[in-house]
C-alpha atoms as a PDB file:
ATOM      1  CA  MET A   1    -103.592-149.345 162.317  1.00  0.00           C
ATOM      2  CA  ALA A   2    -103.786-145.570 162.839  1.00  0.00           C
ATOM      3  CA  LEU A   3    -105.970-145.121 159.743  1.00  0.00           C
ATOM      4  CA  LYS A   4    -108.318-147.910 160.822  1.00  0.00           C
ATOM      5  CA  SER A   5    -108.574-146.368 164.299  1.00  0.00           C
ATOM      6  CA  LEU A   6    -109.467-143.010 162.763  1.00  0.00           C
ATOM      7  CA  CYS A   7    -112.222-144.467 160.584  1.00  0.00           C
ATOM      8  CA  GLU A   8    -113.731-146.337 163.545  1.00  0.00           C
ATOM      9  CA  SER A   9    -113.522-143.374 165.921  1.00  0.00           C
ATOM     10  CA  LYS A  10    -116.249-140.954 167.040  1.00  0.00           C
ATOM     11  CA  LEU A  11    -115.715-139.123 163.741  1.00  0.00           C
ATOM     12  CA  ALA A  12    -117.687-141.886 162.015  1.00  0.00           C
ATOM     13  CA  LYS A  13    -120.859-140.356 163.526  1.00  0.00           C
ATOM     14  CA  ASP A  14    -120.432-137.239 161.392  1.00  0.00           C
ATOM     15  CA  PHE A  15    -118.365-138.453 158.419  1.00  0.00           C
ATOM     16  CA  ASP A  16    -118.612-141.477 156.136  1.00  0.00           C
ATOM     17  CA  PHE A  17    -115.134-142.961 155.623  1.00  0.00           C
ATOM     18  CA  SER A  18    -114.213-145.334 152.808  1.00  0.00           C
ATOM     19  CA  ILE A  19    -110.751-146.895 152.588  1.00  0.00           C
ATOM     20  CA  LEU A  20    -109.695-147.768 149.037  1.00  0.00           C
ATOM     21  CA  GLN A  21    -106.490-149.561 148.111  1.00  0.00           C
ATOM     22  CA  VAL A  22    -105.320-148.004 144.859  1.00  0.00           C
ATOM     23  CA  ASN A  23    -102.058-148.743 143.062  1.00  0.00           C
ATOM     24  CA  LEU A  24    -101.285-145.308 141.629  1.00  0.00           C
ATOM     25  CA  LYS A  25     -98.538-146.779 139.425  1.00  0.00           C
ATOM     26  CA  PHE A  26    -101.031-149.046 137.603  1.00  0.00           C
ATOM     27  CA  TRP A  27    -104.357-147.324 138.067  1.00  0.00           C
ATOM     28  CA  LEU A  28    -107.448-146.899 135.923  1.00  0.00           C
ATOM     29  CA  PRO A  29    -108.183-143.167 136.325  1.00  0.00           C
ATOM     30  CA  GLN A  30    -111.593-142.290 137.712  1.00  0.00           C
ATOM     31  CA  ARG A  31    -113.573-139.633 139.529  1.00  0.00           C
ATOM     32  CA  TYR A  32    -114.604-140.473 143.078  1.00  0.00           C
ATOM     33  CA  GLU A  33    -117.900-139.568 144.700  1.00  0.00           C
ATOM     34  CA  ALA A  34    -116.320-137.920 147.710  1.00  0.00           C
ATOM     35  CA  ASP A  35    -116.265-134.517 149.373  1.00  0.00           C
ATOM     36  CA  ILE A  36    -112.589-134.880 150.327  1.00  0.00           C
ATOM     37  CA  LEU A  37    -109.880-137.292 149.170  1.00  0.00           C
ATOM     38  CA  VAL A  38    -107.008-138.185 151.516  1.00  0.00           C
ATOM     39  CA  ILE A  39    -103.933-139.921 150.088  1.00  0.00           C
ATOM     40  CA  HIS A  40    -101.700-142.045 152.332  1.00  0.00           C
ATOM     41  CA  ALA A  41     -99.461-143.661 149.689  1.00  0.00           C
ATOM     42  CA  ALA A  42     -95.763-142.787 149.617  1.00  0.00           C
ATOM     43  CA  ALA A  43     -94.985-140.301 146.848  1.00  0.00           C
ATOM     44  CA  SER A  44     -92.576-141.383 144.103  1.00  0.00           C
ATOM     45  CA  TRP A  45     -91.687-140.559 140.493  1.00  0.00           C
ATOM     46  CA  ARG A  46     -93.618-143.624 139.313  1.00  0.00           C
ATOM     47  CA  LYS A  47     -96.752-142.491 141.177  1.00  0.00           C
ATOM     48  CA  LEU A  48     -96.560-138.863 140.052  1.00  0.00           C
ATOM     49  CA  PRO A  49     -98.537-139.450 136.801  1.00  0.00           C
ATOM     50  CA  GLY A  50    -101.224-141.124 138.941  1.00  0.00           C
ATOM     51  CA  PHE A  51    -101.321-138.099 141.247  1.00  0.00           C
ATOM     52  CA  ILE A  52    -101.731-135.811 138.220  1.00  0.00           C
ATOM     53  CA  LEU A  53    -104.575-137.875 136.771  1.00  0.00           C
ATOM     54  CA  LEU A  54    -106.259-138.056 140.156  1.00  0.00           C
ATOM     55  CA  LYS A  55    -106.112-134.260 140.396  1.00  0.00           C
ATOM     56  CA  LEU A  56    -107.418-133.689 136.854  1.00  0.00           C
ATOM     57  CA  LEU A  57    -110.295-136.155 137.134  1.00  0.00           C
ATOM     58  CA  ASN A  58    -111.361-134.847 140.540  1.00  0.00           C
ATOM     59  CA  ILE A  59    -111.270-131.100 139.925  1.00  0.00           C
ATOM     60  CA  GLY A  60    -113.337-129.369 142.590  1.00  0.00           C
ATOM     61  CA  THR A  61    -112.685-132.061 145.192  1.00  0.00           C
ATOM     62  CA  PRO A  62    -110.076-131.130 147.816  1.00  0.00           C
ATOM     63  CA  ILE A  63    -107.174-133.574 147.968  1.00  0.00           C
ATOM     64  CA  PHE A  64    -105.197-134.008 151.186  1.00  0.00           C
ATOM     65  CA  TYR A  65    -101.906-135.862 151.356  1.00  0.00           C
ATOM     66  CA  GLN A  66    -100.826-137.316 154.719  1.00  0.00           C
ATOM     67  CA  GLU A  67     -97.037-137.582 154.854  1.00  0.00           C
ATOM     68  CA  HIS A  68     -96.364-140.767 156.856  1.00  0.00           C
ATOM     69  CA  HIS A  69     -93.196-141.685 155.030  1.00  0.00           C
ATOM     70  CA  TYR A  70     -90.575-139.021 154.498  1.00  0.00           C
ATOM     71  CA  CYS A  71     -88.614-136.939 156.974  1.00  0.00           C
ATOM     72  CA  GLU A  72     -85.108-135.632 157.625  1.00  0.00           C
ATOM     73  CA  GLY A  73     -83.800-139.013 158.773  1.00  0.00           C
ATOM     74  CA  PHE A  74     -85.056-140.729 155.631  1.00  0.00           C
ATOM     75  CA  ILE A  75     -83.131-138.312 153.439  1.00  0.00           C
ATOM     76  CA  PHE A  76     -79.942-138.888 155.416  1.00  0.00           C
ATOM     77  CA  HIS A  77     -80.100-142.687 155.160  1.00  0.00           C
ATOM     78  CA  GLU A  78     -81.896-143.378 151.886  1.00  0.00           C
ATOM     79  CA  SER A  79     -81.647-140.536 149.355  1.00  0.00           C
ATOM     80  CA  ARG A  80     -78.592-140.472 147.091  1.00  0.00           C
ATOM     81  CA  SER A  81     -79.754-137.489 145.040  1.00  0.00           C
ATOM     82  CA  HIS A  82     -81.387-134.937 147.321  1.00  0.00           C
ATOM     83  CA  TRP A  83     -82.281-132.433 144.623  1.00  0.00           C
ATOM     84  CA  ARG A  84     -84.034-135.054 142.490  1.00  0.00           C
ATOM     85  CA  PHE A  85     -85.944-136.445 145.467  1.00  0.00           C
ATOM     86  CA  PHE A  86     -86.915-132.954 146.636  1.00  0.00           C
ATOM     87  CA  LEU A  87     -88.126-132.091 143.127  1.00  0.00           C
ATOM     88  CA  MET A  88     -90.410-135.149 143.161  1.00  0.00           C
ATOM     89  CA  LEU A  89     -91.823-134.117 146.548  1.00  0.00           C
ATOM     90  CA  LYS A  90     -92.358-130.509 145.440  1.00  0.00           C
ATOM     91  CA  LEU A  91     -94.272-131.629 142.344  1.00  0.00           C
ATOM     92  CA  SER A  92     -96.363-134.102 144.356  1.00  0.00           C
ATOM     93  CA  TYR A  93     -97.194-131.618 147.118  1.00  0.00           C
ATOM     94  CA  PHE A  94     -98.040-128.917 144.531  1.00  0.00           C
ATOM     95  CA  LEU A  95    -100.968-131.078 143.399  1.00  0.00           C
ATOM     96  CA  MET A  96    -102.422-131.280 146.915  1.00  0.00           C
ATOM     97  CA  ASP A  97    -104.757-128.829 148.628  1.00  0.00           C
ATOM     98  CA  LYS A  98    -103.282-129.738 152.018  1.00  0.00           C
ATOM     99  CA  VAL A  99    -100.237-131.704 153.151  1.00  0.00           C
ATOM    100  CA  LEU A 100    -100.713-133.197 156.610  1.00  0.00           C
ATOM    101  CA  ALA A 101     -97.549-133.640 158.676  1.00  0.00           C
ATOM    102  CA  VAL A 102     -97.479-136.234 161.475  1.00  0.00           C
ATOM    103  CA  SER A 103     -95.045-134.346 163.711  1.00  0.00           C
ATOM    104  CA  ILE A 104     -93.763-130.820 164.298  1.00  0.00           C
ATOM    105  CA  ALA A 105     -90.269-131.983 163.330  1.00  0.00           C
ATOM    106  CA  GLN A 106     -91.525-133.260 159.994  1.00  0.00           C
ATOM    107  CA  GLY A 107     -93.484-130.077 159.348  1.00  0.00           C
ATOM    108  CA  CYS A 108     -90.413-127.928 160.056  1.00  0.00           C
ATOM    109  CA  TRP A 109     -88.327-130.094 157.730  1.00  0.00           C
ATOM    110  CA  LEU A 110     -90.866-129.642 154.920  1.00  0.00           C
ATOM    111  CA  LEU A 111     -90.847-125.860 155.306  1.00  0.00           C
ATOM    112  CA  GLU A 112     -87.086-125.485 155.814  1.00  0.00           C
ATOM    113  CA  ASN A 113     -86.462-127.286 152.529  1.00  0.00           C
ATOM    114  CA  GLN A 114     -89.157-125.230 150.780  1.00  0.00           C
ATOM    115  CA  LEU A 115     -91.012-128.347 149.672  1.00  0.00           C
ATOM    116  CA  LEU A 116     -94.405-126.646 149.971  1.00  0.00           C
ATOM    117  CA  LYS A 117     -96.093-123.367 150.799  1.00  0.00           C
ATOM    118  CA  GLU A 118     -96.773-122.686 154.463  1.00  0.00           C
ATOM    119  CA  ARG A 119    -100.492-122.242 153.753  1.00  0.00           C
ATOM    120  CA  THR A 120    -100.621-125.812 152.441  1.00  0.00           C
ATOM    121  CA  LEU A 121     -99.112-127.402 155.560  1.00  0.00           C
ATOM    122  CA  VAL A 122    -101.205-128.725 158.441  1.00  0.00           C
ATOM    123  CA  VAL A 123     -99.432-130.364 161.392  1.00  0.00           C
ATOM    124  CA  LEU A 124    -101.920-132.951 162.682  1.00  0.00           C
ATOM    125  CA  LYS A 125     -99.462-135.287 164.399  1.00  0.00           C
ATOM    126  CA  GLN A 126    -100.414-138.965 164.788  1.00  0.00           C
ATOM    127  CA  GLY A 127    -102.037-141.246 167.314  1.00  0.00           C
ATOM    128  CA  ARG A 128    -104.482-143.946 168.219  1.00  0.00           C
ATOM    129  CA  SER A 129    -106.329-145.006 171.348  1.00  0.00           C
ATOM    130  CA  VAL A 130    -103.872-146.252 173.995  1.00  0.00           C
ATOM    131  CA  ASN A 131    -106.304-146.690 176.883  1.00  0.00           C
ATOM    132  CA  ALA A 132    -105.534-150.414 177.048  1.00  0.00           C
ATOM    133  CA  MET A 133    -101.874-149.533 177.702  1.00  0.00           C
ATOM    134  CA  LEU A 134    -102.831-146.868 180.218  1.00  0.00           C
ATOM    135  CA  SER A 135    -104.561-149.448 182.390  1.00  0.00           C
ATOM    136  CA  LEU A 136    -101.555-151.786 182.598  1.00  0.00           C
ATOM    137  CA  PRO A 137    -100.277-152.271 186.171  1.00  0.00           C
ATOM    138  CA  LYS A 138     -96.644-151.574 186.956  1.00  0.00           C
ATOM    139  CA  LYS A 139     -94.401-154.607 186.463  1.00  0.00           C
ATOM    140  CA  PRO A 140     -92.165-155.627 189.417  1.00  0.00           C
ATOM    141  CA  LEU A 141     -88.506-155.281 188.501  1.00  0.00           C
ATOM    142  CA  SER A 142     -86.212-158.309 188.416  1.00  0.00           C
ATOM    143  CA  LEU A 143     -83.076-159.481 186.635  1.00  0.00           C
ATOM    144  CA  PRO A 144     -82.511-160.296 183.874  1.00  0.00           C
ATOM    145  CA  LEU A 145     -83.985-156.990 182.731  1.00  0.00           C
ATOM    146  CA  GLN A 146     -86.757-157.595 180.196  1.00  0.00           C
ATOM    147  CA  LEU A 147     -86.477-155.491 177.040  1.00  0.00           C
ATOM    148  CA  GLY A 148     -89.138-155.335 174.356  1.00  0.00           C
ATOM    149  CA  ALA A 149     -88.950-154.080 170.782  1.00  0.00           C
ATOM    150  CA  TYR A 150     -91.575-154.404 168.074  1.00  0.00           C
ATOM    151  CA  GLY A 151     -92.487-153.177 164.631  1.00  0.00           C
ATOM    152  CA  ARG A 152     -91.866-153.787 160.955  1.00  0.00           C
ATOM    153  CA  PHE A 153     -88.631-155.658 160.204  1.00  0.00           C
ATOM    154  CA  HIS A 154     -87.144-153.018 157.939  1.00  0.00           C
ATOM    155  CA  LYS A 155     -83.861-151.122 157.857  1.00  0.00           C
ATOM    156  CA  GLN A 156     -85.715-148.053 159.151  1.00  0.00           C
ATOM    157  CA  LYS A 157     -86.387-149.642 162.544  1.00  0.00           C
ATOM    158  CA  GLY A 158     -82.734-150.358 163.406  1.00  0.00           C
ATOM    159  CA  PHE A 159     -83.367-153.810 164.895  1.00  0.00           C
ATOM    160  CA  ASP A 160     -80.116-155.054 163.352  1.00  0.00           C
ATOM    161  CA  LEU A 161     -78.226-152.539 165.507  1.00  0.00           C
ATOM    162  CA  LEU A 162     -80.158-153.702 168.562  1.00  0.00           C
ATOM    163  CA  ILE A 163     -79.325-157.392 168.044  1.00  0.00           C
ATOM    164  CA  GLN A 164     -75.655-156.486 167.506  1.00  0.00           C
ATOM    165  CA  ALA A 165     -75.737-154.658 170.830  1.00  0.00           C
ATOM    166  CA  MET A 166     -77.425-157.562 172.606  1.00  0.00           C
ATOM    167  CA  SER A 167     -74.619-159.879 171.478  1.00  0.00           C
ATOM    168  CA  LYS A 168     -72.260-157.813 173.664  1.00  0.00           C
ATOM    169  CA  LEU A 169     -74.419-157.949 176.787  1.00  0.00           C
ATOM    170  CA  PRO A 170     -74.631-160.715 179.445  1.00  0.00           C
ATOM    171  CA  ALA A 171     -77.665-162.979 179.184  1.00  0.00           C
ATOM    172  CA  ASP A 172     -78.051-163.136 182.969  1.00  0.00           C
ATOM    173  CA  LYS A 173     -78.469-159.356 183.096  1.00  0.00           C
ATOM    174  CA  VAL A 174     -80.715-158.510 180.137  1.00  0.00           C
ATOM    175  CA  GLU A 175     -83.037-160.264 177.679  1.00  0.00           C
ATOM    176  CA  LEU A 176     -84.741-158.995 174.518  1.00  0.00           C
ATOM    177  CA  ARG A 177     -88.004-160.115 172.961  1.00  0.00           C
ATOM    178  CA  LEU A 178     -88.309-158.788 169.433  1.00  0.00           C
ATOM    179  CA  ALA A 179     -91.764-158.887 167.816  1.00  0.00           C
ATOM    180  CA  GLY A 180     -92.752-158.253 164.226  1.00  0.00           C
ATOM    181  CA  SER A 181     -92.269-159.401 160.652  1.00  0.00           C
ATOM    182  CA  GLY A 182     -90.997-158.068 157.365  1.00  0.00           C
ATOM    183  CA  GLU A 183     -88.309-158.233 154.733  1.00  0.00           C
ATOM    184  CA  MET A 184     -85.406-158.298 157.209  1.00  0.00           C
ATOM    185  CA  LEU A 185     -86.694-161.373 159.075  1.00  0.00           C
ATOM    186  CA  PRO A 186     -84.127-163.831 157.594  1.00  0.00           C
ATOM    187  CA  ARG A 187     -81.231-161.499 158.410  1.00  0.00           C
ATOM    188  CA  LEU A 188     -82.446-160.806 161.951  1.00  0.00           C
ATOM    189  CA  GLU A 189     -82.997-164.517 162.562  1.00  0.00           C
ATOM    190  CA  SER A 190     -79.438-165.215 161.403  1.00  0.00           C
ATOM    191  CA  MET A 191     -78.059-162.479 163.669  1.00  0.00           C
ATOM    192  CA  ALA A 192     -80.017-163.769 166.670  1.00  0.00           C
ATOM    193  CA  ALA A 193     -79.034-167.424 166.150  1.00  0.00           C
ATOM    194  CA  GLY A 194     -77.036-168.644 169.126  1.00  0.00           C
ATOM    195  CA  LEU A 195     -77.811-165.614 171.316  1.00  0.00           C
ATOM    196  CA  GLU A 196     -79.344-166.761 174.582  1.00  0.00           C
ATOM    197  CA  ASN A 197     -80.698-163.312 175.407  1.00  0.00           C
ATOM    198  CA  VAL A 198     -82.586-162.605 172.135  1.00  0.00           C
ATOM    199  CA  THR A 199     -85.909-164.167 171.135  1.00  0.00           C
ATOM    200  CA  LEU A 200     -87.854-163.369 167.967  1.00  0.00           C
ATOM    201  CA  ILE A 201     -91.527-164.030 168.689  1.00  0.00           C
ATOM    202  CA  GLY A 202     -93.190-163.135 165.371  1.00  0.00           C
ATOM    203  CA  GLU A 203     -96.118-160.768 164.949  1.00  0.00           C
ATOM    204  CA  ILE A 204     -98.192-159.854 167.988  1.00  0.00           C
ATOM    205  CA  GLU A 205    -101.923-159.187 168.088  1.00  0.00           C
ATOM    206  CA  ASN A 206    -102.105-158.151 171.738  1.00  0.00           C
ATOM    207  CA  VAL A 207     -99.721-155.210 172.152  1.00  0.00           C
ATOM    208  CA  PRO A 208    -100.768-154.423 175.754  1.00  0.00           C
ATOM    209  CA  LEU A 209    -100.026-158.013 176.789  1.00  0.00           C
ATOM    210  CA  PHE A 210     -96.609-157.815 175.142  1.00  0.00           C
ATOM    211  CA  LEU A 211     -95.811-154.511 176.858  1.00  0.00           C
ATOM    212  CA  SER A 212     -96.962-155.796 180.244  1.00  0.00           C
ATOM    213  CA  SER A 213     -94.006-158.200 180.334  1.00  0.00           C
ATOM    214  CA  CYS A 214     -91.398-155.512 179.532  1.00  0.00           C
ATOM    215  CA  ASP A 215     -89.319-153.443 181.924  1.00  0.00           C
ATOM    216  CA  ALA A 216     -88.206-151.176 179.077  1.00  0.00           C
ATOM    217  CA  VAL A 217     -88.937-150.692 175.378  1.00  0.00           C
ATOM    218  CA  VAL A 218     -86.158-150.060 172.846  1.00  0.00           C
ATOM    219  CA  ILE A 219     -86.913-147.955 169.739  1.00  0.00           C
ATOM    220  CA  PRO A 220     -83.640-147.780 167.740  1.00  0.00           C
ATOM    221  CA  SER A 221     -85.135-146.289 164.559  1.00  0.00           C
ATOM    222  CA  ARG A 222     -82.858-144.763 161.937  1.00  0.00           C
ATOM    223  CA  TRP A 223     -85.717-142.451 160.947  1.00  0.00           C
ATOM    224  CA  GLU A 224     -89.261-142.062 162.252  1.00  0.00           C
ATOM    225  CA  PRO A 225     -91.688-139.332 161.077  1.00  0.00           C
ATOM    226  CA  PHE A 226     -93.708-139.941 164.265  1.00  0.00           C
ATOM    227  CA  GLY A 227     -93.447-143.368 165.905  1.00  0.00           C
ATOM    228  CA  LEU A 228     -96.655-144.684 167.487  1.00  0.00           C
ATOM    229  CA  ILE A 229     -94.666-147.258 169.460  1.00  0.00           C
ATOM    230  CA  CYS A 230     -93.224-144.453 171.560  1.00  0.00           C
ATOM    231  CA  GLN A 231     -96.693-143.176 172.404  1.00  0.00           C
ATOM    232  CA  GLU A 232     -97.853-146.679 173.301  1.00  0.00           C
ATOM    233  CA  SER A 233     -94.801-147.307 175.502  1.00  0.00           C
ATOM    234  CA  ILE A 234     -95.240-144.070 177.432  1.00  0.00           C
ATOM    235  CA  ALA A 235     -98.906-144.873 178.058  1.00  0.00           C
ATOM    236  CA  ALA A 236     -97.856-148.337 179.255  1.00  0.00           C
ATOM    237  CA  GLY A 237     -95.482-146.702 181.747  1.00  0.00           C
ATOM    238  CA  LYS A 238     -92.292-148.236 180.387  1.00  0.00           C
ATOM    239  CA  VAL A 239     -88.752-146.912 180.450  1.00  0.00           C
ATOM    240  CA  ILE A 240     -87.878-146.000 176.858  1.00  0.00           C
ATOM    241  CA  VAL A 241     -84.534-146.297 175.081  1.00  0.00           C
ATOM    242  CA  THR A 242     -84.775-144.463 171.778  1.00  0.00           C
ATOM    243  CA  SER A 243     -82.856-142.666 169.073  1.00  0.00           C
ATOM    244  CA  SER A 244     -83.384-138.901 169.021  1.00  0.00           C
ATOM    245  CA  VAL A 245     -84.609-138.696 165.429  1.00  0.00           C
ATOM    246  CA  ASP A 246     -87.500-136.870 163.792  1.00  0.00           C
ATOM    247  CA  GLY A 247     -90.848-137.302 165.572  1.00  0.00           C
ATOM    248  CA  LEU A 248     -89.473-139.537 168.318  1.00  0.00           C
ATOM    249  CA  LEU A 249     -87.550-136.762 170.029  1.00  0.00           C
ATOM    250  CA  GLU A 250     -90.494-134.416 170.377  1.00  0.00           C
ATOM    251  CA  GLN A 251     -92.559-137.180 172.003  1.00  0.00           C
ATOM    252  CA  VAL A 252     -90.027-137.769 174.764  1.00  0.00           C
ATOM    253  CA  GLN A 253     -88.660-134.270 175.303  1.00  0.00           C
ATOM    254  CA  VAL A 254     -90.825-133.747 178.375  1.00  0.00           C
ATOM    255  CA  LEU A 255     -89.742-137.097 179.823  1.00  0.00           C
ATOM    256  CA  ALA A 256     -86.066-137.144 178.783  1.00  0.00           C
ATOM    257  CA  LYS A 257     -84.596-135.905 182.024  1.00  0.00           C
ATOM    258  CA  THR A 258     -83.301-137.295 185.311  1.00  0.00           C
ATOM    259  CA  ARG A 259     -86.156-137.695 187.771  1.00  0.00           C
ATOM    260  CA  GLY A 260     -86.197-138.344 191.489  1.00  0.00           C
ATOM    261  CA  ASN A 261     -83.211-138.712 193.759  1.00  0.00           C
ATOM    262  CA  ASP A 262     -82.005-142.064 192.470  1.00  0.00           C
ATOM    263  CA  GLY A 263     -80.902-140.808 189.051  1.00  0.00           C
ATOM    264  CA  HIS A 264     -83.394-143.071 187.299  1.00  0.00           C
ATOM    265  CA  LEU A 265     -84.413-142.058 183.790  1.00  0.00           C
ATOM    266  CA  ALA A 266     -87.831-142.264 182.169  1.00  0.00           C
ATOM    267  CA  VAL A 267     -86.136-141.977 178.777  1.00  0.00           C
ATOM    268  CA  MET A 268     -82.612-142.780 177.627  1.00  0.00           C
ATOM    269  CA  LEU A 269     -81.451-141.395 174.274  1.00  0.00           C
ATOM    270  CA  THR A 270     -78.925-143.282 172.184  1.00  0.00           C
ATOM    271  CA  ASP A 271     -76.956-142.671 169.001  1.00  0.00           C
ATOM    272  CA  LEU A 272     -77.537-144.853 165.959  1.00  0.00           C
ATOM    273  CA  THR A 273     -74.650-147.277 166.404  1.00  0.00           C
ATOM    274  CA  SER A 274     -74.488-150.671 168.060  1.00  0.00           C
ATOM    275  CA  ALA A 275     -71.642-149.393 170.280  1.00  0.00           C
ATOM    276  CA  SER A 276     -73.810-146.545 171.561  1.00  0.00           C
ATOM    277  CA  LEU A 277     -76.681-148.952 172.168  1.00  0.00           C
ATOM    278  CA  VAL A 278     -74.357-151.236 174.162  1.00  0.00           C
ATOM    279  CA  GLN A 279     -73.274-148.310 176.315  1.00  0.00           C
ATOM    280  CA  THR A 280     -76.859-147.148 176.860  1.00  0.00           C
ATOM    281  CA  LEU A 281     -78.130-150.629 177.733  1.00  0.00           C
ATOM    282  CA  GLU A 282     -75.202-151.216 180.087  1.00  0.00           C
ATOM    283  CA  SER A 283     -76.220-148.021 181.867  1.00  0.00           C
ATOM    284  CA  LEU A 284     -79.795-149.302 181.968  1.00  0.00           C
ATOM    285  CA  ILE A 285     -78.647-152.522 183.631  1.00  0.00           C
ATOM    286  CA  VAL A 286     -76.647-150.576 186.231  1.00  0.00           C
ATOM    287  CA  GLN A 287     -79.674-148.454 187.065  1.00  0.00           C
ATOM    288  CA  ALA A 288     -81.849-151.547 187.402  1.00  0.00           C
ATOM    289  CA  GLU A 289     -79.340-153.131 189.791  1.00  0.00           C
ATOM    290  CA  GLN A 290     -79.110-149.948 191.836  1.00  0.00           C
ATOM    291  CA  LYS A 291     -82.875-149.665 192.075  1.00  0.00           C
ATOM    292  CA  LEU A 292     -83.237-153.288 193.169  1.00  0.00           C
ATOM    293  CA  GLU A 293     -80.538-152.823 195.815  1.00  0.00           C
ATOM    294  CA  LYS A 294     -82.103-149.640 197.106  1.00  0.00           C
ATOM    295  CA  CYS A 295     -85.823-150.425 196.877  1.00  0.00           C
ATOM    296  CA  GLY A 296     -86.176-154.207 196.880  1.00  0.00           C
ATOM    297  CA  ALA A 297     -87.959-156.674 194.640  1.00  0.00           C
ATOM    298  CA  ASP A 298     -91.429-155.082 194.638  1.00  0.00           C
ATOM    299  CA  VAL A 299     -90.344-151.896 192.895  1.00  0.00           C
ATOM    300  CA  SER A 300     -91.167-151.081 189.262  1.00  0.00           C
ATOM    301  CA  PHE A 301     -88.310-150.068 186.972  1.00  0.00           C
ATOM    302  CA  SER A 302     -90.270-147.170 185.490  1.00  0.00           C
ATOM    303  CA  ASP A 303     -91.217-144.206 187.608  1.00  0.00           C
ATOM    304  CA  LEU A 304     -93.453-142.566 185.033  1.00  0.00           C
ATOM    305  CA  SER A 305     -96.330-140.960 186.892  1.00  0.00           C
ATOM    306  CA  ASP A 306     -99.971-141.605 186.060  1.00  0.00           C
ATOM    307  CA  GLU A 307    -100.183-138.028 184.789  1.00  0.00           C
ATOM    308  CA  GLU A 308     -97.263-138.529 182.408  1.00  0.00           C
ATOM    309  CA  ARG A 309     -98.806-141.720 181.098  1.00  0.00           C
ATOM    310  CA  ALA A 310    -102.129-139.940 180.650  1.00  0.00           C
ATOM    311  CA  LEU A 311    -100.445-137.252 178.524  1.00  0.00           C
ATOM    312  CA  ALA A 312     -99.808-139.889 175.867  1.00  0.00           C
ATOM    313  CA  ALA A 313    -103.414-141.080 176.047  1.00  0.00           C
ATOM    314  CA  ARG A 314    -104.780-137.562 175.618  1.00  0.00           C
ATOM    315  CA  ARG A 315    -103.084-137.190 172.241  1.00  0.00           C
ATOM    316  CA  TRP A 316    -105.708-139.399 170.608  1.00  0.00           C
ATOM    317  CA  PRO A 317    -108.832-137.343 171.480  1.00  0.00           C
ATOM    318  CA  GLN A 318    -106.893-134.196 170.586  1.00  0.00           C
ATOM    319  CA  LEU A 319    -106.047-135.689 167.192  1.00  0.00           C
ATOM    320  CA  LEU A 320    -109.721-136.507 166.587  1.00  0.00           C
ATOM    321  CA  ASN A 321    -110.675-132.921 167.422  1.00  0.00           C
ATOM    322  CA  ASP A 322    -108.024-131.623 165.029  1.00  0.00           C
ATOM    323  CA  TRP A 323    -109.246-133.908 162.243  1.00  0.00           C
ATOM    324  CA  GLN A 324    -112.834-132.847 162.879  1.00  0.00           C
ATOM    325  CA  SER A 325    -111.920-129.147 162.712  1.00  0.00           C
ATOM    326  CA  LEU A 326    -109.936-129.655 159.516  1.00  0.00           C
ATOM    327  CA  LEU A 327    -112.670-131.614 157.736  1.00  0.00           C
ATOM    328  CA  ILE A 328    -115.466-129.255 158.782  1.00  0.00           C
ATOM    329  CA  SER A 329    -113.418-126.228 157.755  1.00  0.00           C
ATOM    330  CA  GLU A 330    -112.762-127.692 154.309  1.00  0.00           C
ATOM    331  CA  LEU A 331    -116.386-128.696 153.784  1.00  0.00           C
ATOM    332  CA  GLU A 332    -117.671-125.271 154.830  1.00  0.00           C
ATOM    333  CA  LYS A 333    -115.153-123.606 152.535  1.00  0.00           C
ATOM    334  CA  GLY A 334    -116.597-125.586 149.648  1.00  0.00           C
ATOM    335  CA  LYS A 335    -120.096-124.237 150.386  1.00  0.00           C
ATOM    336  CA  ARG A 336    -119.061-120.567 150.321  1.00  0.00           C
ATOM    337  CA  PRO A 337    -119.897-118.532 147.207  1.00  0.00           C
ATOM    338  CA  GLN A 338    -116.884-118.231 144.939  1.00  0.00           C
END
């Protein structure tokens, strides 16, 4: 989605983008007619020979690698042999002219582990247009509290922890709608079976419509290099419950504080256990009840200001400017006498 948004953005007036799906594990080597190549595939030992051939057959063409996949949280949860995994990343990054990080946290992790040279790293962050979320009206608060969660059904996203937590919470106080698809669908369906306060609704095409029905959005990711859902939820003006991992934390740092006189939170941080999620969501319910008692039925649960919501929306034009500067700089460098 982010890549498609980039290719259809204002940058298309000055640059011709072509998206090619290439399986670098089973790939017929070739030279591409391009001024710059940008790789988005996850690096691996099996793809490393493909990276090498791509480099050799495209000598003279700058190759950028955008690191969407790996971060500190990934290593903690998924890597059994850190040194072997780090060696693969070092070799892969060595072949690239630039490595583009999607968050400051990810960029710091790459440098701290000496996976690349500082001159190779560019922190671009991530984003897409969220104007449709920015225009959503505030939803009147009522009980049961309406929680939303969405994304790929994969271990990374932590939806199994969320459903476990929901099984401990009263259905008359809080409900969850979980949207998405993926390899964990059968397991999540089994976990949600018999729970009155959990509904799996499949994939969604209209994200703003989905968010409009939520009082709060839960992002229980085990790791997240950036996390576009957080950006979308802030722009939509929703209370956010999230794990403080990788790129998620830096997105909510400005908002993760008590605001106003009622103790209401724009963001609630939780540890990566179902017990911690239960405790956090119980606190969320209490705050919703207190706000209803104090302010009445017409109040919105979130008190994110229009300015705070707009901060999330402004990340997209800033990202486009950063991409434009990077591409122009690289193209002009190629025209200079060697």
